Amino acid sequence: MVKQLRGLEYQINWGAMTLQDAIDFCILAIRTTSAIQRFSDGVVLDPGDIPKVGGDIDLAIITRDKGFIWVKKKNIVIEGQEIDIDKFPNLE
């Protein structure tokens, strides 16, 4: 039976995936994890644990030629005021 179930596994061709497909896949994985946690009561090793995924999704890509690029990023909120951290001076 295990052999039959393994025959139903999806084969994903990671090497041929476009950047857009990779972005879509990441969003799918995050949303799927969030949805599963909504209905769960922890995991086998930690029953009763609370969900740790949810809300808006931040997503960035790293490319060889352009480096780190935000695809989608929410602003942080400090005392009710929304702050865009990209507008902060370099704090290094």
N, C-alpha and C. Protein backbone atom coordinates (compact mmCIF):
# COMPACT_ATOMS: atom_id res chain seq x y z
N MET A 1 0.82 -1.19 0.00
CA MET A 1 0.00 0.00 0.00
C MET A 1 0.87 1.26 0.00
N VAL A 2 1.97 1.27 0.75
CA VAL A 2 2.86 2.44 0.78
C VAL A 2 3.40 2.70 -0.62
N LYS A 3 3.76 1.63 -1.36
CA LYS A 3 4.27 1.80 -2.72
C LYS A 3 3.21 2.44 -3.61
N GLN A 4 1.96 2.03 -3.45
CA GLN A 4 0.89 2.61 -4.25
C GLN A 4 0.69 4.09 -3.91
N LEU A 5 0.76 4.44 -2.63
CA LEU A 5 0.61 5.85 -2.23
C LEU A 5 1.76 6.69 -2.77
N ARG A 6 2.97 6.15 -2.73
CA ARG A 6 4.12 6.90 -3.25
C ARG A 6 4.00 7.15 -4.75
N GLY A 7 3.29 6.28 -5.43
CA GLY A 7 3.06 6.48 -6.86
C GLY A 7 2.15 7.67 -7.14
N LEU A 8 1.49 8.18 -6.12
CA LEU A 8 0.59 9.33 -6.28
C LEU A 8 1.26 10.66 -5.91
N GLU A 9 2.53 10.62 -5.52
CA GLU A 9 3.23 11.86 -5.16
C GLU A 9 3.44 12.71 -6.41
N TYR A 10 3.36 14.01 -6.22
CA TYR A 10 3.60 14.93 -7.33
C TYR A 10 5.10 15.06 -7.57
N GLN A 11 5.46 15.18 -8.84
CA GLN A 11 6.84 15.45 -9.21
C GLN A 11 6.91 16.89 -9.68
N ILE A 12 7.67 17.70 -8.96
CA ILE A 12 7.80 19.11 -9.31
C ILE A 12 9.18 19.32 -9.91
N ASN A 13 9.21 19.87 -11.10
CA ASN A 13 10.47 20.10 -11.79
C ASN A 13 11.02 21.46 -11.36
N TRP A 14 11.70 21.47 -10.21
CA TRP A 14 12.21 22.71 -9.64
C TRP A 14 13.14 23.44 -10.60
N GLY A 15 13.95 22.71 -11.33
CA GLY A 15 14.93 23.33 -12.23
C GLY A 15 14.32 24.07 -13.40
N ALA A 16 13.11 23.71 -13.78
CA ALA A 16 12.47 24.37 -14.93
C ALA A 16 11.42 25.38 -14.49
N MET A 17 11.27 25.59 -13.18
CA MET A 17 10.24 26.49 -12.68
C MET A 17 10.62 27.94 -12.97
N THR A 18 9.66 28.70 -13.48
CA THR A 18 9.90 30.13 -13.73
C THR A 18 9.89 30.88 -12.39
N LEU A 19 10.41 32.08 -12.40
CA LEU A 19 10.41 32.89 -11.20
C LEU A 19 8.98 33.16 -10.73
N GLN A 20 8.07 33.44 -11.66
CA GLN A 20 6.67 33.67 -11.29
C GLN A 20 6.05 32.42 -10.67
N ASP A 21 6.35 31.25 -11.25
CA ASP A 21 5.83 30.00 -10.68
C ASP A 21 6.40 29.77 -9.28
N ALA A 22 7.66 30.10 -9.06
CA ALA A 22 8.27 29.94 -7.74
C ALA A 22 7.60 30.85 -6.72
N ILE A 23 7.30 32.08 -7.10
CA ILE A 23 6.60 33.01 -6.22
C ILE A 23 5.21 32.47 -5.89
N ASP A 24 4.49 32.01 -6.91
CA ASP A 24 3.15 31.46 -6.70
C ASP A 24 3.20 30.22 -5.80
N PHE A 25 4.22 29.38 -5.99
CA PHE A 25 4.36 28.18 -5.17
C PHE A 25 4.62 28.54 -3.70
N CYS A 26 5.47 29.53 -3.47
CA CYS A 26 5.76 29.95 -2.09
C CYS A 26 4.50 30.47 -1.40
N ILE A 27 3.73 31.27 -2.11
CA ILE A 27 2.48 31.79 -1.54
C ILE A 27 1.52 30.63 -1.24
N LEU A 28 1.43 29.66 -2.15
CA LEU A 28 0.60 28.49 -1.93
C LEU A 28 1.05 27.73 -0.68
N ALA A 29 2.34 27.51 -0.52
CA ALA A 29 2.85 26.77 0.63
C ALA A 29 2.54 27.48 1.95
N ILE A 30 2.70 28.80 1.95
CA ILE A 30 2.42 29.57 3.17
C ILE A 30 0.93 29.55 3.49
N ARG A 31 0.10 29.77 2.49
CA ARG A 31 -1.36 29.76 2.71
C ARG A 31 -1.86 28.38 3.13
N THR A 32 -1.28 27.33 2.54
CA THR A 32 -1.66 25.97 2.92
C THR A 32 -1.29 25.69 4.37
N THR A 33 -0.09 26.08 4.78
CA THR A 33 0.33 25.90 6.17
C THR A 33 -0.59 26.66 7.12
N SER A 34 -0.93 27.88 6.77
CA SER A 34 -1.83 28.68 7.59
C SER A 34 -3.19 28.02 7.72
N ALA A 35 -3.72 27.51 6.62
CA ALA A 35 -5.04 26.87 6.64
C ALA A 35 -5.03 25.59 7.47
N ILE A 36 -4.00 24.79 7.34
CA ILE A 36 -3.90 23.56 8.13
C ILE A 36 -3.82 23.89 9.61
N GLN A 37 -3.04 24.90 9.97
CA GLN A 37 -2.91 25.27 11.37
C GLN A 37 -4.23 25.76 11.95
N ARG A 38 -5.06 26.34 11.12
CA ARG A 38 -6.37 26.81 11.59
C ARG A 38 -7.19 25.67 12.18
N PHE A 39 -7.06 24.49 11.60
CA PHE A 39 -7.86 23.35 12.02
C PHE A 39 -7.12 22.38 12.94
N SER A 40 -5.87 22.69 13.27
CA SER A 40 -5.09 21.75 14.07
C SER A 40 -5.07 22.15 15.54
N ASP A 41 -4.66 21.22 16.34
CA ASP A 41 -4.44 21.45 17.77
C ASP A 41 -2.99 21.09 18.07
N GLY A 42 -2.09 21.76 17.40
CA GLY A 42 -0.67 21.47 17.57
C GLY A 42 -0.22 20.35 16.65
N VAL A 43 0.93 19.79 16.97
CA VAL A 43 1.49 18.67 16.21
C VAL A 43 1.68 17.50 17.17
N VAL A 44 1.99 16.35 16.61
CA VAL A 44 2.13 15.15 17.43
C VAL A 44 3.14 15.37 18.56
N LEU A 45 4.26 16.04 18.26
CA LEU A 45 5.29 16.26 19.27
C LEU A 45 4.94 17.36 20.26
N ASP A 46 3.92 18.19 19.92
CA ASP A 46 3.55 19.30 20.81
C ASP A 46 2.05 19.56 20.72
N PRO A 47 1.22 18.64 21.24
CA PRO A 47 -0.24 18.83 21.18
C PRO A 47 -0.65 20.10 21.92
N GLY A 48 -1.65 20.77 21.38
CA GLY A 48 -2.16 21.99 22.01
C GLY A 48 -1.39 23.24 21.66
N ASP A 49 -0.33 23.10 20.86
CA ASP A 49 0.46 24.26 20.46
C ASP A 49 -0.40 25.19 19.60
N ILE A 50 -0.08 26.46 19.62
CA ILE A 50 -0.87 27.43 18.86
C ILE A 50 -0.27 27.66 17.48
N PRO A 51 -1.10 28.06 16.50
CA PRO A 51 -0.59 28.33 15.15
C PRO A 51 0.44 29.46 15.16
N LYS A 52 1.41 29.34 14.28
CA LYS A 52 2.46 30.35 14.19
C LYS A 52 2.55 30.98 12.80
N VAL A 53 1.59 30.69 11.96
CA VAL A 53 1.56 31.25 10.61
C VAL A 53 0.19 31.87 10.40
N GLY A 54 0.16 33.04 9.78
CA GLY A 54 -1.11 33.67 9.47
C GLY A 54 -0.92 35.13 9.16
N GLY A 55 -1.94 35.73 8.64
CA GLY A 55 -1.89 37.15 8.31
C GLY A 55 -1.31 37.41 6.94
N ASP A 56 -0.95 38.66 6.73
CA ASP A 56 -0.38 39.05 5.44
C ASP A 56 0.96 38.36 5.23
N ILE A 57 1.28 38.14 3.97
CA ILE A 57 2.52 37.44 3.60
C ILE A 57 3.54 38.44 3.09
N ASP A 58 4.75 38.37 3.65
CA ASP A 58 5.89 39.11 3.11
C ASP A 58 6.64 38.16 2.19
N LEU A 59 7.06 38.66 1.02
CA LEU A 59 7.76 37.79 0.08
C LEU A 59 8.86 38.57 -0.62
N ALA A 60 10.03 37.97 -0.66
CA ALA A 60 11.17 38.58 -1.35
C ALA A 60 11.80 37.53 -2.25
N ILE A 61 12.52 38.01 -3.25
CA ILE A 61 13.30 37.12 -4.11
C ILE A 61 14.76 37.55 -4.07
N ILE A 62 15.62 36.64 -4.37
CA ILE A 62 17.05 36.94 -4.48
C ILE A 62 17.49 36.43 -5.84
N THR A 63 17.96 37.35 -6.68
CA THR A 63 18.44 36.96 -7.99
C THR A 63 19.94 37.24 -8.09
N ARG A 64 20.57 36.53 -8.98
CA ARG A 64 22.01 36.69 -9.16
C ARG A 64 22.37 38.11 -9.61
N ASP A 65 21.59 38.66 -10.52
CA ASP A 65 21.95 39.97 -11.08
C ASP A 65 21.42 41.16 -10.28
N LYS A 66 20.29 41.00 -9.59
CA LYS A 66 19.71 42.14 -8.88
C LYS A 66 19.77 42.01 -7.36
N GLY A 67 20.14 40.84 -6.84
CA GLY A 67 20.22 40.65 -5.40
C GLY A 67 18.85 40.54 -4.76
N PHE A 68 18.70 41.10 -3.56
CA PHE A 68 17.48 40.99 -2.76
C PHE A 68 16.45 42.02 -3.23
N ILE A 69 15.23 41.54 -3.50
CA ILE A 69 14.14 42.42 -3.95
C ILE A 69 12.86 42.01 -3.23
N TRP A 70 12.20 42.98 -2.60
CA TRP A 70 10.89 42.71 -2.01
C TRP A 70 9.88 42.55 -3.13
N VAL A 71 9.07 41.51 -3.08
CA VAL A 71 7.95 41.33 -3.99
C VAL A 71 6.70 41.90 -3.33
N LYS A 72 6.53 41.56 -2.05
CA LYS A 72 5.40 42.06 -1.26
C LYS A 72 5.87 42.22 0.17
N LYS A 73 5.69 43.41 0.73
CA LYS A 73 6.16 43.67 2.08
C LYS A 73 5.17 44.58 2.78
N LYS A 74 4.73 44.15 3.96
CA LYS A 74 3.85 45.01 4.74
C LYS A 74 4.72 45.95 5.58
N ASN A 75 4.17 47.08 5.91
CA ASN A 75 4.87 48.02 6.78
C ASN A 75 4.72 47.56 8.23
N ILE A 76 5.62 47.99 9.07
CA ILE A 76 5.51 47.69 10.49
C ILE A 76 4.64 48.76 11.15
N VAL A 77 4.08 48.44 12.30
CA VAL A 77 3.23 49.38 13.02
C VAL A 77 3.83 49.62 14.39
N ILE A 78 4.07 50.90 14.71
CA ILE A 78 4.60 51.29 16.01
C ILE A 78 3.60 52.25 16.64
N GLU A 79 3.04 51.84 17.77
CA GLU A 79 2.05 52.64 18.48
C GLU A 79 0.95 53.14 17.55
N GLY A 80 0.45 52.24 16.73
CA GLY A 80 -0.66 52.55 15.84
C GLY A 80 -0.27 53.30 14.58
N GLN A 81 1.00 53.66 14.43
CA GLN A 81 1.44 54.39 13.23
C GLN A 81 2.18 53.43 12.31
N GLU A 82 1.76 53.40 11.05
CA GLU A 82 2.40 52.53 10.06
C GLU A 82 3.70 53.16 9.58
N ILE A 83 4.76 52.36 9.59
CA ILE A 83 6.09 52.84 9.23
C ILE A 83 6.63 52.00 8.07
N ASP A 84 7.14 52.66 7.04
CA ASP A 84 7.81 51.97 5.94
C ASP A 84 9.30 51.93 6.27
N ILE A 85 9.82 50.75 6.61
CA ILE A 85 11.21 50.67 7.06
C ILE A 85 12.20 50.98 5.95
N ASP A 86 11.76 50.92 4.68
CA ASP A 86 12.65 51.28 3.58
C ASP A 86 12.97 52.78 3.57
N LYS A 87 12.15 53.57 4.24
CA LYS A 87 12.37 55.02 4.27
C LYS A 87 13.25 55.46 5.44
N PHE A 88 13.61 54.50 6.33
CA PHE A 88 14.50 54.80 7.43
C PHE A 88 15.92 54.99 6.90
N PRO A 89 16.71 55.86 7.55
CA PRO A 89 18.10 55.94 7.14
C PRO A 89 18.82 54.64 7.51
N ASN A 90 19.92 54.38 6.84
CA ASN A 90 20.70 53.17 7.11
C ASN A 90 21.17 53.20 8.56
N LEU A 91 20.78 52.21 9.34
CA LEU A 91 21.09 52.19 10.77
C LEU A 91 22.28 51.29 11.11
N GLU A 92 23.06 50.91 10.13
CA GLU A 92 24.20 50.02 10.37
C GLU A 92 25.31 50.72 11.11
